[in-house]
N, C-alpha and C. Protein backbone atom coordinates (compact mmCIF):
# COMPACT_ATOMS: atom_id res chain seq x y z
N MET A 1 -63.05 53.54 119.29
CA MET A 1 -64.28 53.45 120.10
C MET A 1 -64.44 52.04 120.66
N SER A 2 -64.69 51.97 121.97
CA SER A 2 -64.85 50.66 122.61
C SER A 2 -66.05 49.95 122.07
N SER A 3 -66.04 48.63 122.18
CA SER A 3 -67.15 47.82 121.68
C SER A 3 -68.45 48.14 122.45
N PHE A 4 -68.28 48.34 123.80
CA PHE A 4 -69.47 48.62 124.61
C PHE A 4 -70.09 49.95 124.23
N LEU A 5 -69.28 50.98 124.06
CA LEU A 5 -69.78 52.30 123.68
C LEU A 5 -70.44 52.26 122.29
N GLN A 6 -69.86 51.51 121.41
CA GLN A 6 -70.41 51.34 120.07
C GLN A 6 -71.78 50.71 120.16
N GLY A 7 -71.91 49.71 121.04
CA GLY A 7 -73.18 49.03 121.25
C GLY A 7 -74.23 49.98 121.82
N VAL A 8 -73.82 50.84 122.78
CA VAL A 8 -74.76 51.79 123.38
C VAL A 8 -75.29 52.77 122.34
N LEU A 9 -74.39 53.26 121.49
CA LEU A 9 -74.81 54.19 120.45
C LEU A 9 -75.72 53.53 119.43
N LEU A 10 -75.43 52.27 119.14
CA LEU A 10 -76.35 51.52 118.25
C LEU A 10 -77.75 51.34 118.91
N GLY A 11 -77.74 51.10 120.21
CA GLY A 11 -79.00 50.98 120.95
C GLY A 11 -79.83 52.25 120.89
N PHE A 12 -79.17 53.40 121.07
CA PHE A 12 -79.89 54.65 120.89
C PHE A 12 -80.34 54.86 119.47
N GLY A 13 -79.52 54.36 118.54
CA GLY A 13 -79.93 54.45 117.10
C GLY A 13 -81.21 53.67 116.82
N VAL A 14 -81.39 52.57 117.57
CA VAL A 14 -82.60 51.74 117.39
C VAL A 14 -83.77 52.47 118.07
N ALA A 15 -83.57 52.97 119.30
CA ALA A 15 -84.69 53.37 120.16
C ALA A 15 -85.17 54.84 119.96
N VAL A 16 -84.25 55.75 119.66
CA VAL A 16 -84.57 57.14 119.71
C VAL A 16 -85.42 57.67 118.53
N PRO A 17 -85.21 57.21 117.28
CA PRO A 17 -85.98 57.80 116.19
C PRO A 17 -87.47 57.75 116.44
N ILE A 18 -88.17 58.81 116.04
CA ILE A 18 -89.63 58.88 116.24
C ILE A 18 -90.31 57.93 115.24
N GLY A 19 -91.06 57.01 115.76
CA GLY A 19 -91.78 56.05 114.99
C GLY A 19 -93.03 55.61 115.75
N PRO A 20 -93.71 54.58 115.29
CA PRO A 20 -94.89 54.14 115.97
C PRO A 20 -94.75 53.79 117.43
N LEU A 21 -93.60 53.18 117.75
CA LEU A 21 -93.37 52.75 119.15
C LEU A 21 -93.24 53.96 120.08
N ASN A 22 -92.42 54.93 119.73
CA ASN A 22 -92.25 56.11 120.58
C ASN A 22 -93.52 56.96 120.66
N ILE A 23 -94.29 56.98 119.59
CA ILE A 23 -95.58 57.69 119.60
C ILE A 23 -96.52 57.03 120.66
N LEU A 24 -96.57 55.68 120.64
CA LEU A 24 -97.42 55.01 121.58
C LEU A 24 -96.93 55.11 123.03
N ILE A 25 -95.57 55.02 123.18
CA ILE A 25 -95.00 55.16 124.50
C ILE A 25 -95.37 56.53 125.10
N MET A 26 -95.29 57.56 124.27
CA MET A 26 -95.66 58.93 124.67
C MET A 26 -97.14 58.98 125.09
N SER A 27 -97.98 58.36 124.30
CA SER A 27 -99.42 58.39 124.60
C SER A 27 -99.73 57.70 125.90
N TYR A 28 -99.07 56.50 126.13
CA TYR A 28 -99.30 55.78 127.38
C TYR A 28 -98.71 56.53 128.59
N ALA A 29 -97.59 57.20 128.38
CA ALA A 29 -96.88 57.87 129.49
C ALA A 29 -97.70 59.02 130.07
N PHE A 30 -98.62 59.60 129.30
CA PHE A 30 -99.45 60.66 129.84
C PHE A 30 -100.37 60.18 130.93
N THR A 31 -100.68 58.89 130.96
CA THR A 31 -101.60 58.37 132.00
C THR A 31 -100.90 57.42 132.98
N SER A 32 -99.86 56.70 132.47
CA SER A 32 -99.22 55.72 133.33
C SER A 32 -97.79 55.46 132.88
N TYR A 33 -96.84 55.77 133.76
CA TYR A 33 -95.43 55.52 133.42
C TYR A 33 -95.18 54.01 133.33
N SER A 34 -95.79 53.26 134.24
CA SER A 34 -95.51 51.79 134.28
C SER A 34 -96.05 51.11 133.03
N LYS A 35 -97.20 51.59 132.52
CA LYS A 35 -97.75 50.96 131.30
C LYS A 35 -96.87 51.36 130.10
N ALA A 36 -96.42 52.58 130.06
CA ALA A 36 -95.52 53.00 128.97
C ALA A 36 -94.23 52.19 129.01
N LEU A 37 -93.75 51.89 130.27
CA LEU A 37 -92.56 51.12 130.43
C LEU A 37 -92.80 49.70 129.94
N CYS A 38 -93.97 49.13 130.28
CA CYS A 38 -94.35 47.77 129.83
C CYS A 38 -94.35 47.70 128.30
N LEU A 39 -94.92 48.73 127.69
CA LEU A 39 -94.95 48.76 126.21
C LEU A 39 -93.53 48.75 125.65
N GLY A 40 -92.66 49.56 126.22
CA GLY A 40 -91.27 49.63 125.76
C GLY A 40 -90.52 48.33 126.00
N LEU A 41 -90.75 47.72 127.14
CA LEU A 41 -90.08 46.44 127.46
C LEU A 41 -90.54 45.33 126.52
N GLY A 42 -91.86 45.39 126.16
CA GLY A 42 -92.37 44.45 125.20
C GLY A 42 -91.69 44.55 123.84
N ALA A 43 -91.51 45.80 123.37
CA ALA A 43 -90.79 46.06 122.11
C ALA A 43 -89.36 45.62 122.21
N MET A 44 -88.74 45.87 123.38
CA MET A 44 -87.33 45.52 123.59
C MET A 44 -87.18 44.00 123.55
N SER A 45 -88.18 43.27 124.08
CA SER A 45 -88.15 41.78 124.06
C SER A 45 -88.07 41.31 122.63
N THR A 46 -88.79 41.98 121.76
CA THR A 46 -88.74 41.54 120.33
C THR A 46 -87.38 41.89 119.73
N ASP A 47 -86.78 43.00 120.16
CA ASP A 47 -85.42 43.35 119.70
C ASP A 47 -84.44 42.26 120.12
N VAL A 48 -84.57 41.81 121.37
CA VAL A 48 -83.69 40.75 121.89
C VAL A 48 -83.92 39.46 121.08
N PHE A 49 -85.17 39.21 120.79
CA PHE A 49 -85.53 38.03 119.96
C PHE A 49 -84.84 38.08 118.61
N TYR A 50 -84.94 39.24 117.95
CA TYR A 50 -84.27 39.39 116.65
C TYR A 50 -82.77 39.33 116.82
N LEU A 51 -82.28 39.77 117.93
CA LEU A 51 -80.84 39.74 118.21
C LEU A 51 -80.35 38.29 118.29
N ILE A 52 -81.15 37.46 118.95
CA ILE A 52 -80.86 36.05 119.05
C ILE A 52 -80.86 35.38 117.67
N LEU A 53 -81.89 35.72 116.86
CA LEU A 53 -81.99 35.16 115.50
C LEU A 53 -80.78 35.61 114.68
N LEU A 54 -80.36 36.89 114.93
CA LEU A 54 -79.20 37.39 114.20
C LEU A 54 -77.94 36.65 114.58
N SER A 55 -77.80 36.36 115.88
CA SER A 55 -76.61 35.67 116.36
C SER A 55 -76.49 34.21 115.75
N PHE A 56 -77.65 33.61 115.50
CA PHE A 56 -77.66 32.24 114.95
C PHE A 56 -77.82 32.24 113.42
N GLY A 57 -77.78 33.42 112.85
CA GLY A 57 -77.85 33.49 111.38
C GLY A 57 -79.18 33.17 110.79
N VAL A 58 -80.26 33.27 111.59
CA VAL A 58 -81.59 32.91 111.12
C VAL A 58 -82.32 34.09 110.56
N LEU A 59 -81.95 35.32 110.96
CA LEU A 59 -82.73 36.48 110.61
C LEU A 59 -82.77 36.72 109.10
N HIS A 60 -81.70 36.30 108.38
CA HIS A 60 -81.71 36.57 106.94
C HIS A 60 -82.82 35.81 106.22
N LEU A 61 -83.34 34.74 106.83
CA LEU A 61 -84.44 33.96 106.22
C LEU A 61 -85.75 34.81 106.21
N LEU A 62 -85.84 35.76 107.13
CA LEU A 62 -87.04 36.63 107.17
C LEU A 62 -86.96 37.79 106.21
N ASN A 63 -85.71 38.07 105.75
CA ASN A 63 -85.52 39.25 104.88
C ASN A 63 -85.77 38.93 103.43
N THR A 64 -87.01 38.52 103.15
CA THR A 64 -87.44 38.26 101.78
C THR A 64 -88.63 39.09 101.46
N PRO A 65 -88.84 39.42 100.20
CA PRO A 65 -89.96 40.30 99.82
C PRO A 65 -91.32 39.78 100.29
N ILE A 66 -91.57 38.49 100.13
CA ILE A 66 -92.84 37.89 100.52
C ILE A 66 -93.08 38.01 102.01
N THR A 67 -92.06 37.64 102.79
CA THR A 67 -92.15 37.75 104.24
C THR A 67 -92.42 39.15 104.69
N LEU A 68 -91.66 40.10 104.15
CA LEU A 68 -91.80 41.49 104.51
C LEU A 68 -93.20 42.05 104.16
N LYS A 69 -93.73 41.58 103.05
CA LYS A 69 -95.08 42.03 102.65
C LYS A 69 -96.12 41.49 103.65
N ILE A 70 -95.99 40.23 104.03
CA ILE A 70 -96.92 39.64 105.02
C ILE A 70 -96.82 40.40 106.31
N VAL A 71 -95.60 40.66 106.77
CA VAL A 71 -95.39 41.39 108.03
C VAL A 71 -95.97 42.80 107.90
N ALA A 72 -95.81 43.42 106.73
CA ALA A 72 -96.34 44.78 106.54
C ALA A 72 -97.83 44.81 106.64
N ILE A 73 -98.55 43.78 106.14
CA ILE A 73 -99.99 43.74 106.23
C ILE A 73 -100.43 43.72 107.68
N PHE A 74 -99.86 42.77 108.45
CA PHE A 74 -100.25 42.66 109.88
C PHE A 74 -99.86 43.92 110.64
N GLY A 75 -98.65 44.45 110.29
CA GLY A 75 -98.21 45.65 110.96
C GLY A 75 -99.08 46.85 110.75
N SER A 76 -99.51 47.05 109.51
CA SER A 76 -100.38 48.18 109.16
C SER A 76 -101.76 48.03 109.83
N LEU A 77 -102.29 46.81 109.84
CA LEU A 77 -103.59 46.57 110.48
C LEU A 77 -103.51 46.87 111.98
N PHE A 78 -102.41 46.44 112.61
CA PHE A 78 -102.22 46.68 114.01
C PHE A 78 -102.10 48.18 114.35
N LEU A 79 -101.37 48.87 113.52
CA LEU A 79 -101.18 50.33 113.72
C LEU A 79 -102.54 51.03 113.59
N ILE A 80 -103.35 50.62 112.59
CA ILE A 80 -104.70 51.20 112.39
C ILE A 80 -105.55 50.94 113.63
N TYR A 81 -105.47 49.72 114.14
CA TYR A 81 -106.21 49.38 115.36
C TYR A 81 -105.80 50.22 116.54
N MET A 82 -104.53 50.41 116.73
CA MET A 82 -104.01 51.24 117.85
C MET A 82 -104.41 52.71 117.63
N ALA A 83 -104.38 53.18 116.39
CA ALA A 83 -104.73 54.57 116.09
C ALA A 83 -106.18 54.83 116.46
N PHE A 84 -107.09 53.94 116.06
CA PHE A 84 -108.50 54.13 116.38
C PHE A 84 -108.76 53.98 117.88
N GLY A 85 -107.92 53.20 118.54
CA GLY A 85 -108.01 53.14 119.99
C GLY A 85 -107.66 54.45 120.67
N LEU A 86 -106.64 55.12 120.13
CA LEU A 86 -106.31 56.44 120.64
C LEU A 86 -107.38 57.49 120.40
N ILE A 87 -107.99 57.42 119.19
CA ILE A 87 -109.06 58.35 118.89
C ILE A 87 -110.26 58.11 119.79
N LYS A 88 -110.57 56.85 120.00
CA LYS A 88 -111.72 56.47 120.86
C LYS A 88 -111.51 56.96 122.28
N ASP A 89 -110.29 56.87 122.79
CA ASP A 89 -110.02 57.24 124.18
C ASP A 89 -109.68 58.76 124.34
N ALA A 90 -109.60 59.46 123.24
CA ALA A 90 -109.17 60.88 123.32
C ALA A 90 -110.11 61.77 124.15
N ASN A 91 -111.39 61.51 124.10
CA ASN A 91 -112.39 62.31 124.80
C ASN A 91 -112.66 61.79 126.19
N LYS A 92 -112.04 60.71 126.61
CA LYS A 92 -112.21 60.23 127.95
C LYS A 92 -111.42 61.05 128.90
N GLU A 93 -111.80 61.10 130.16
CA GLU A 93 -111.07 61.84 131.17
C GLU A 93 -109.75 61.17 131.43
N ILE A 94 -108.67 61.95 131.39
CA ILE A 94 -107.32 61.41 131.48
C ILE A 94 -106.93 61.33 132.97
N LYS A 95 -107.02 60.15 133.52
CA LYS A 95 -106.57 59.92 134.88
C LYS A 95 -106.33 58.46 135.06
N VAL A 96 -105.53 58.15 136.08
CA VAL A 96 -105.24 56.76 136.37
C VAL A 96 -105.99 56.32 137.59
N LYS A 97 -106.87 55.34 137.41
CA LYS A 97 -107.62 54.84 138.53
C LYS A 97 -106.83 53.84 139.31
N SER A 98 -106.86 53.87 140.65
CA SER A 98 -106.04 52.98 141.47
C SER A 98 -106.42 51.54 141.30
N ASN A 99 -107.71 51.24 141.04
CA ASN A 99 -108.11 49.84 140.90
C ASN A 99 -107.83 49.25 139.55
N SER A 100 -107.25 50.10 138.69
CA SER A 100 -106.93 49.56 137.32
C SER A 100 -105.44 49.57 137.05
N LYS A 101 -104.60 49.84 138.06
CA LYS A 101 -103.18 49.90 137.85
C LYS A 101 -102.58 48.56 137.41
N GLN A 102 -103.09 47.50 137.97
CA GLN A 102 -102.53 46.17 137.65
C GLN A 102 -103.19 45.59 136.39
N LYS A 103 -104.30 46.17 136.00
CA LYS A 103 -105.05 45.64 134.85
C LYS A 103 -104.41 46.06 133.55
N GLY A 104 -104.18 45.09 132.70
CA GLY A 104 -103.69 45.43 131.35
C GLY A 104 -102.19 45.55 131.20
N TYR A 105 -101.39 45.32 132.27
CA TYR A 105 -99.95 45.46 132.10
C TYR A 105 -99.41 44.39 131.12
N LEU A 106 -99.86 43.16 131.29
CA LEU A 106 -99.42 42.10 130.41
C LEU A 106 -99.89 42.32 128.98
N ASN A 107 -101.14 42.83 128.86
CA ASN A 107 -101.66 43.13 127.57
C ASN A 107 -100.86 44.22 126.89
N THR A 108 -100.48 45.24 127.68
CA THR A 108 -99.65 46.33 127.12
C THR A 108 -98.27 45.83 126.68
N TYR A 109 -97.72 44.90 127.52
CA TYR A 109 -96.42 44.36 127.17
C TYR A 109 -96.47 43.62 125.83
N PHE A 110 -97.47 42.82 125.63
CA PHE A 110 -97.62 42.07 124.39
C PHE A 110 -97.94 42.99 123.19
N LYS A 111 -98.60 44.13 123.47
CA LYS A 111 -98.78 45.15 122.37
C LYS A 111 -97.40 45.63 121.90
N GLY A 112 -96.49 45.87 122.85
CA GLY A 112 -95.16 46.28 122.48
C GLY A 112 -94.45 45.22 121.67
N CYS A 113 -94.57 43.95 122.10
CA CYS A 113 -93.96 42.86 121.38
C CYS A 113 -94.47 42.79 119.95
N PHE A 114 -95.81 42.86 119.82
CA PHE A 114 -96.45 42.69 118.53
C PHE A 114 -96.14 43.87 117.59
N LEU A 115 -96.01 45.06 118.19
CA LEU A 115 -95.74 46.26 117.43
C LEU A 115 -94.40 46.11 116.67
N ASN A 116 -93.37 45.66 117.38
CA ASN A 116 -92.06 45.49 116.78
C ASN A 116 -92.03 44.23 115.90
N LEU A 117 -92.76 43.24 116.29
CA LEU A 117 -92.75 41.95 115.57
C LEU A 117 -93.38 42.14 114.18
N THR A 118 -94.31 43.03 114.05
CA THR A 118 -95.00 43.29 112.75
C THR A 118 -94.52 44.51 112.03
N ASN A 119 -93.31 44.96 112.37
CA ASN A 119 -92.71 46.11 111.72
C ASN A 119 -91.57 45.63 110.80
N PRO A 120 -91.78 45.59 109.50
CA PRO A 120 -90.75 45.09 108.59
C PRO A 120 -89.46 45.86 108.65
N TYR A 121 -89.56 47.15 109.01
CA TYR A 121 -88.38 47.99 109.11
C TYR A 121 -87.49 47.55 110.24
N VAL A 122 -88.04 47.00 111.32
CA VAL A 122 -87.28 46.47 112.43
C VAL A 122 -86.44 45.25 111.94
N ILE A 123 -87.10 44.41 111.17
CA ILE A 123 -86.40 43.21 110.61
C ILE A 123 -85.26 43.68 109.73
N ILE A 124 -85.52 44.62 108.86
CA ILE A 124 -84.46 45.14 107.94
C ILE A 124 -83.34 45.79 108.71
N PHE A 125 -83.70 46.52 109.79
CA PHE A 125 -82.69 47.17 110.59
C PHE A 125 -81.76 46.13 111.23
N TRP A 126 -82.34 45.11 111.84
CA TRP A 126 -81.49 44.14 112.52
C TRP A 126 -80.69 43.34 111.50
N PHE A 127 -81.21 43.11 110.32
CA PHE A 127 -80.48 42.47 109.28
C PHE A 127 -79.24 43.30 108.89
N SER A 128 -79.44 44.60 108.83
CA SER A 128 -78.33 45.50 108.48
C SER A 128 -77.31 45.61 109.59
N MET A 129 -77.73 45.26 110.81
CA MET A 129 -76.80 45.32 111.95
C MET A 129 -75.83 44.17 111.94
N ALA A 130 -76.08 43.14 111.14
CA ALA A 130 -75.21 41.98 111.09
C ALA A 130 -73.76 42.36 110.78
N ALA A 131 -73.59 43.17 109.76
CA ALA A 131 -72.24 43.58 109.35
C ALA A 131 -71.54 44.41 110.40
N ILE A 132 -72.34 45.24 111.08
CA ILE A 132 -71.77 46.12 112.10
C ILE A 132 -71.32 45.38 113.34
N THR A 133 -72.22 44.51 113.85
CA THR A 133 -71.93 43.80 115.10
C THR A 133 -70.79 42.79 114.93
N THR A 134 -70.75 42.17 113.75
CA THR A 134 -69.68 41.15 113.56
C THR A 134 -68.31 41.76 113.27
N SER A 135 -68.27 43.09 113.01
CA SER A 135 -67.01 43.75 112.78
C SER A 135 -66.39 44.34 113.99
N THR A 136 -67.03 44.22 115.15
CA THR A 136 -66.51 44.77 116.37
C THR A 136 -65.46 43.84 117.00
N ASN A 137 -64.65 44.42 117.86
CA ASN A 137 -63.58 43.64 118.49
C ASN A 137 -64.16 42.65 119.50
N ASN A 138 -65.22 43.05 120.19
CA ASN A 138 -65.81 42.19 121.21
C ASN A 138 -67.32 42.19 120.99
N LEU A 139 -67.82 41.12 120.38
CA LEU A 139 -69.24 41.04 120.01
C LEU A 139 -70.13 41.05 121.27
N SER A 140 -69.73 40.36 122.31
CA SER A 140 -70.54 40.28 123.53
C SER A 140 -70.72 41.64 124.17
N LEU A 141 -69.63 42.42 124.24
CA LEU A 141 -69.69 43.79 124.80
C LEU A 141 -70.58 44.67 123.92
N THR A 142 -70.47 44.53 122.62
CA THR A 142 -71.31 45.32 121.73
C THR A 142 -72.77 45.04 121.91
N LEU A 143 -73.13 43.76 121.99
CA LEU A 143 -74.50 43.40 122.17
C LEU A 143 -75.03 43.83 123.51
N PHE A 144 -74.18 43.73 124.58
CA PHE A 144 -74.57 44.17 125.87
C PHE A 144 -74.81 45.72 125.90
N GLY A 145 -73.93 46.44 125.25
CA GLY A 145 -74.06 47.88 125.13
C GLY A 145 -75.30 48.29 124.38
N LEU A 146 -75.61 47.50 123.36
CA LEU A 146 -76.84 47.78 122.56
C LEU A 146 -78.08 47.65 123.42
N ILE A 147 -78.14 46.58 124.27
CA ILE A 147 -79.29 46.39 125.13
C ILE A 147 -79.37 47.48 126.16
N VAL A 148 -78.21 47.93 126.69
CA VAL A 148 -78.16 49.01 127.67
C VAL A 148 -78.71 50.28 127.02
N GLY A 149 -78.31 50.58 125.81
CA GLY A 149 -78.75 51.78 125.11
C GLY A 149 -80.28 51.79 124.94
N ILE A 150 -80.83 50.65 124.49
CA ILE A 150 -82.28 50.57 124.26
C ILE A 150 -83.02 50.71 125.58
N LEU A 151 -82.55 50.00 126.63
CA LEU A 151 -83.18 50.01 127.92
C LEU A 151 -83.14 51.42 128.56
N SER A 152 -82.03 52.12 128.40
CA SER A 152 -81.93 53.46 128.94
C SER A 152 -82.98 54.39 128.35
N TRP A 153 -83.21 54.30 127.05
CA TRP A 153 -84.20 55.15 126.41
C TRP A 153 -85.58 54.75 126.88
N ILE A 154 -85.85 53.48 126.99
CA ILE A 154 -87.15 53.00 127.43
C ILE A 154 -87.50 53.44 128.84
N LEU A 155 -86.47 53.53 129.69
CA LEU A 155 -86.68 53.98 131.07
C LEU A 155 -86.86 55.48 131.18
N VAL A 156 -86.05 56.21 130.42
CA VAL A 156 -86.00 57.70 130.59
C VAL A 156 -87.08 58.45 129.79
N PHE A 157 -87.27 58.05 128.55
CA PHE A 157 -88.23 58.77 127.70
C PHE A 157 -89.64 58.87 128.28
N PRO A 158 -90.27 57.74 128.64
CA PRO A 158 -91.64 57.84 129.23
C PRO A 158 -91.65 58.57 130.58
N LEU A 159 -90.51 58.47 131.34
CA LEU A 159 -90.45 59.19 132.63
C LEU A 159 -90.53 60.67 132.43
N ILE A 160 -89.82 61.19 131.41
CA ILE A 160 -89.84 62.61 131.10
C ILE A 160 -91.26 63.06 130.71
N ILE A 161 -91.90 62.26 129.87
CA ILE A 161 -93.28 62.56 129.47
C ILE A 161 -94.22 62.55 130.69
N TYR A 162 -94.09 61.50 131.50
CA TYR A 162 -94.98 61.36 132.64
C TYR A 162 -94.83 62.53 133.63
N LYS A 163 -93.58 62.93 133.90
CA LYS A 163 -93.33 64.03 134.86
C LYS A 163 -93.79 65.36 134.30
N SER A 164 -93.87 65.51 133.00
CA SER A 164 -94.25 66.79 132.41
C SER A 164 -95.76 66.90 132.19
N LYS A 165 -96.51 65.81 132.45
CA LYS A 165 -97.94 65.83 132.13
C LYS A 165 -98.75 66.89 132.91
N ASN A 166 -98.23 67.23 134.13
CA ASN A 166 -98.94 68.21 134.96
C ASN A 166 -98.86 69.63 134.39
N PHE A 167 -97.92 69.80 133.48
CA PHE A 167 -97.73 71.12 132.82
C PHE A 167 -98.49 71.20 131.53
N ILE A 168 -99.19 70.13 131.16
CA ILE A 168 -99.94 70.08 129.90
C ILE A 168 -101.45 70.03 130.22
N SER A 169 -102.19 70.91 129.58
CA SER A 169 -103.66 70.93 129.81
C SER A 169 -104.34 69.74 129.20
N LYS A 170 -105.56 69.46 129.67
CA LYS A 170 -106.32 68.32 129.15
C LYS A 170 -106.61 68.51 127.63
N LYS A 171 -106.85 69.78 127.29
CA LYS A 171 -107.09 70.05 125.86
C LYS A 171 -105.87 69.74 125.02
N MET A 172 -104.68 70.06 125.53
CA MET A 172 -103.46 69.74 124.81
C MET A 172 -103.23 68.25 124.76
N MET A 173 -103.54 67.55 125.86
CA MET A 173 -103.39 66.07 125.87
C MET A 173 -104.30 65.43 124.84
N ARG A 174 -105.54 65.95 124.73
CA ARG A 174 -106.45 65.45 123.76
C ARG A 174 -105.95 65.70 122.35
N ALA A 175 -105.40 66.88 122.11
CA ALA A 175 -104.84 67.19 120.81
C ALA A 175 -103.69 66.27 120.48
N LEU A 176 -102.82 66.00 121.49
CA LEU A 176 -101.70 65.10 121.26
C LEU A 176 -102.16 63.68 120.98
N ALA A 177 -103.26 63.27 121.61
CA ALA A 177 -103.84 61.95 121.35
C ALA A 177 -104.31 61.82 119.90
N TYR A 178 -104.98 62.87 119.43
CA TYR A 178 -105.43 62.87 118.02
C TYR A 178 -104.19 62.90 117.06
N PHE A 179 -103.21 63.74 117.44
CA PHE A 179 -102.00 63.84 116.63
C PHE A 179 -101.31 62.44 116.55
N SER A 180 -101.20 61.81 117.71
CA SER A 180 -100.54 60.49 117.76
C SER A 180 -101.28 59.49 116.92
N ALA A 181 -102.61 59.54 116.94
CA ALA A 181 -103.44 58.61 116.16
C ALA A 181 -103.21 58.82 114.68
N PHE A 182 -103.15 60.08 114.24
CA PHE A 182 -102.96 60.32 112.82
C PHE A 182 -101.54 59.96 112.39
N VAL A 183 -100.58 60.14 113.27
CA VAL A 183 -99.20 59.69 112.95
C VAL A 183 -99.15 58.19 112.77
N LEU A 184 -99.84 57.44 113.64
CA LEU A 184 -99.87 55.97 113.52
C LEU A 184 -100.55 55.56 112.20
N LEU A 185 -101.67 56.27 111.82
CA LEU A 185 -102.30 56.00 110.56
C LEU A 185 -101.36 56.29 109.40
N PHE A 186 -100.56 57.33 109.52
CA PHE A 186 -99.61 57.63 108.48
C PHE A 186 -98.59 56.50 108.32
N PHE A 187 -98.06 56.00 109.45
CA PHE A 187 -97.09 54.91 109.40
C PHE A 187 -97.77 53.64 108.81
N ALA A 188 -99.02 53.41 109.12
CA ALA A 188 -99.77 52.22 108.61
C ALA A 188 -99.84 52.32 107.08
N LEU A 189 -100.30 53.47 106.59
CA LEU A 189 -100.43 53.69 105.17
C LEU A 189 -99.10 53.66 104.45
N ASN A 190 -98.07 54.21 105.10
CA ASN A 190 -96.74 54.21 104.52
C ASN A 190 -96.20 52.81 104.38
N LEU A 191 -96.50 51.91 105.37
CA LEU A 191 -96.09 50.54 105.25
C LEU A 191 -96.69 49.86 104.01
N LEU A 192 -97.99 50.07 103.81
CA LEU A 192 -98.66 49.49 102.67
C LEU A 192 -98.12 50.08 101.36
N TYR A 193 -97.86 51.39 101.34
CA TYR A 193 -97.36 52.03 100.14
C TYR A 193 -95.94 51.49 99.79
N GLN A 194 -95.07 51.44 100.80
CA GLN A 194 -93.68 51.03 100.54
C GLN A 194 -93.59 49.57 100.02
N HIS A 195 -94.47 48.69 100.51
CA HIS A 195 -94.34 47.27 100.17
C HIS A 195 -95.32 46.79 99.12
N PHE A 196 -96.30 47.63 98.73
CA PHE A 196 -97.27 47.18 97.73
C PHE A 196 -97.47 48.16 96.56
N PHE A 197 -97.42 49.44 96.81
CA PHE A 197 -97.82 50.36 95.76
C PHE A 197 -96.65 51.21 95.23
N LYS A 198 -95.51 51.25 95.90
CA LYS A 198 -94.41 52.10 95.49
C LYS A 198 -93.95 51.75 94.04
N GLU A 199 -93.84 50.49 93.73
CA GLU A 199 -93.34 50.07 92.43
C GLU A 199 -94.39 50.30 91.34
N ILE A 200 -95.65 50.35 91.75
CA ILE A 200 -96.74 50.49 90.73
C ILE A 200 -96.93 51.95 90.40
N LEU A 201 -96.95 52.82 91.43
CA LEU A 201 -97.24 54.27 91.21
C LEU A 201 -96.01 54.99 90.69
């Protein structure tokens, strides 16, 4: 398997699994493809940041129980905040106003950054990637393929959701918003359980 193809597959391995990020991208894509894209690009920026730390051997410093617990606290609080935001907006009329298209893009981008930055599983994942990426024949091609894989998913996934929104009723969109909120709450509680209560219970 070529180094580039291996990187692309790793990129899909990072991006495709259903988690808080993809749930939020889906929720945003129902109203705005560009905002969903901004959210994904923000998360991808954090992936690139971790990739740089990985290249310089710094990432292993973050892979400590105390650091991961601190990250888990902030991550769970942020997910709870986003979940209640979805619940709050669920009953609002779902439409994109032309005068608000430019508003909040940067804010959405930084939400994506913070979402991945406060996810301890992302840190653990990139730490585990160290052995895989360093064992390839061409590290540069592998890393490039990895970025291509992540970017491809970020571009295509919200586009599919956005294009299919006309086939989904407002009632269904509202139900999906509530479902997304409860999934985010589940991930938030699971973070706290895995890092604080799993060993006790």
